[in-house]
Amino acid sequence: MKIKIYLEPSDEGGYTVIVPSLPGCISEGETKEEAVKNIKEAIELYLEPVEDDILAVSNTEELELAI
């Protein structure tokens, strides 16, 4: 899966990264490399299913979707 990110220098130093397709998915890093590493982790966490929420809903049907 490919996701577009935007990397912007921060006024305080370092970089801020946002993911336009994932509202609220934002991260930072002191270097570009660190910022990209951090946003990868943030994306994984953002997309990770919240199993407690799923199990709390009755009549839940599980499907797989290729993106």
C-alpha atoms as a PDB file:
ATOM      1  CA  MET A   1       0.000   0.000   0.000  1.00  0.00           C
ATOM      2  CA  LYS A   2       1.270   3.469  -0.846  1.00  0.00           C
ATOM      3  CA  ILE A   3       0.161   6.504   1.140  1.00  0.00           C
ATOM      4  CA  LYS A   4       1.072  10.100   0.340  1.00  0.00           C
ATOM      5  CA  ILE A   5       2.652  12.071   3.195  1.00  0.00           C
ATOM      6  CA  TYR A   6       3.697  15.687   3.507  1.00  0.00           C
ATOM      7  CA  LEU A   7       6.941  16.562   5.268  1.00  0.00           C
ATOM      8  CA  GLU A   8       7.315  20.148   6.480  1.00  0.00           C
ATOM      9  CA  PRO A   9      10.175  21.821   8.378  1.00  0.00           C
ATOM     10  CA  SER A  10       9.042  22.919  11.853  1.00  0.00           C
ATOM     11  CA  ASP A  11       9.681  26.434  13.138  1.00  0.00           C
ATOM     12  CA  GLU A  12      11.290  24.955  16.268  1.00  0.00           C
ATOM     13  CA  GLY A  13      13.529  22.635  14.235  1.00  0.00           C
ATOM     14  CA  GLY A  14      12.922  19.134  13.005  1.00  0.00           C
ATOM     15  CA  TYR A  15      10.045  18.096  10.770  1.00  0.00           C
ATOM     16  CA  THR A  16       6.302  17.601  10.984  1.00  0.00           C
ATOM     17  CA  VAL A  17       4.634  14.936   8.836  1.00  0.00           C
ATOM     18  CA  ILE A  18       0.945  14.674   7.985  1.00  0.00           C
ATOM     19  CA  VAL A  19      -1.066  12.051   6.117  1.00  0.00           C
ATOM     20  CA  PRO A  20      -3.909  13.811   4.275  1.00  0.00           C
ATOM     21  CA  SER A  21      -5.832  10.579   3.660  1.00  0.00           C
ATOM     22  CA  LEU A  22      -5.809   9.708   7.396  1.00  0.00           C
ATOM     23  CA  PRO A  23      -7.313  12.648   9.333  1.00  0.00           C
ATOM     24  CA  GLY A  24      -5.418  13.379  12.521  1.00  0.00           C
ATOM     25  CA  CYS A  25      -2.465  11.146  11.596  1.00  0.00           C
ATOM     26  CA  ILE A  26       0.470  13.457  12.347  1.00  0.00           C
ATOM     27  CA  SER A  27       3.995  12.867  13.607  1.00  0.00           C
ATOM     28  CA  GLU A  28       7.330  14.632  14.039  1.00  0.00           C
ATOM     29  CA  GLY A  29      11.040  13.938  14.034  1.00  0.00           C
ATOM     30  CA  GLU A  30      14.350  15.738  14.466  1.00  0.00           C
ATOM     31  CA  THR A  31      15.510  14.587  11.005  1.00  0.00           C
ATOM     32  CA  LYS A  32      13.654  13.688   7.820  1.00  0.00           C
ATOM     33  CA  GLU A  33      14.563  10.037   8.366  1.00  0.00           C
ATOM     34  CA  GLU A  34      13.263  10.050  11.941  1.00  0.00           C
ATOM     35  CA  ALA A  35      10.066  11.843  10.904  1.00  0.00           C
ATOM     36  CA  VAL A  36       9.388   9.278   8.160  1.00  0.00           C
ATOM     37  CA  LYS A  37      10.102   6.399  10.568  1.00  0.00           C
ATOM     38  CA  ASN A  38       7.730   7.923  13.127  1.00  0.00           C
ATOM     39  CA  ILE A  39       4.924   8.484  10.618  1.00  0.00           C
ATOM     40  CA  LYS A  40       5.207   4.881   9.420  1.00  0.00           C
ATOM     41  CA  GLU A  41       4.581   3.756  12.999  1.00  0.00           C
ATOM     42  CA  ALA A  42       1.726   6.250  13.371  1.00  0.00           C
ATOM     43  CA  ILE A  43       0.100   4.954  10.161  1.00  0.00           C
ATOM     44  CA  GLU A  44       0.382   1.352  11.363  1.00  0.00           C
ATOM     45  CA  LEU A  45      -1.249   2.276  14.669  1.00  0.00           C
ATOM     46  CA  TYR A  46      -3.926   4.345  12.917  1.00  0.00           C
ATOM     47  CA  LEU A  47      -4.858   1.453  10.655  1.00  0.00           C
ATOM     48  CA  GLU A  48      -4.601  -1.248  13.335  1.00  0.00           C
ATOM     49  CA  PRO A  49      -8.006  -2.678  14.197  1.00  0.00           C
ATOM     50  CA  VAL A  50      -9.261  -1.934  17.670  1.00  0.00           C
ATOM     51  CA  GLU A  51     -10.279  -5.444  18.680  1.00  0.00           C
ATOM     52  CA  ASP A  52     -11.987  -4.368  21.899  1.00  0.00           C
ATOM     53  CA  ASP A  53     -14.355  -2.127  19.932  1.00  0.00           C
ATOM     54  CA  ILE A  54     -15.061  -4.860  17.394  1.00  0.00           C
ATOM     55  CA  LEU A  55     -15.802  -7.464  20.054  1.00  0.00           C
ATOM     56  CA  ALA A  56     -18.172  -5.095  21.880  1.00  0.00           C
ATOM     57  CA  VAL A  57     -20.483  -4.820  18.858  1.00  0.00           C
ATOM     58  CA  SER A  58     -23.078  -7.572  18.539  1.00  0.00           C
ATOM     59  CA  ASN A  59     -23.813  -9.184  15.169  1.00  0.00           C
ATOM     60  CA  THR A  60     -20.412  -8.153  13.809  1.00  0.00           C
ATOM     61  CA  GLU A  61     -19.440  -9.636  10.463  1.00  0.00           C
ATOM     62  CA  GLU A  62     -15.742  -9.847   9.558  1.00  0.00           C
ATOM     63  CA  LEU A  63     -14.720  -9.242   5.940  1.00  0.00           C
ATOM     64  CA  GLU A  64     -11.355  -8.702   4.271  1.00  0.00           C
ATOM     65  CA  LEU A  65     -10.842  -5.910   1.778  1.00  0.00           C
ATOM     66  CA  ALA A  66      -7.827  -5.521  -0.492  1.00  0.00           C
ATOM     67  CA  ILE A  67      -6.749  -1.923  -0.925  1.00  0.00           C
END
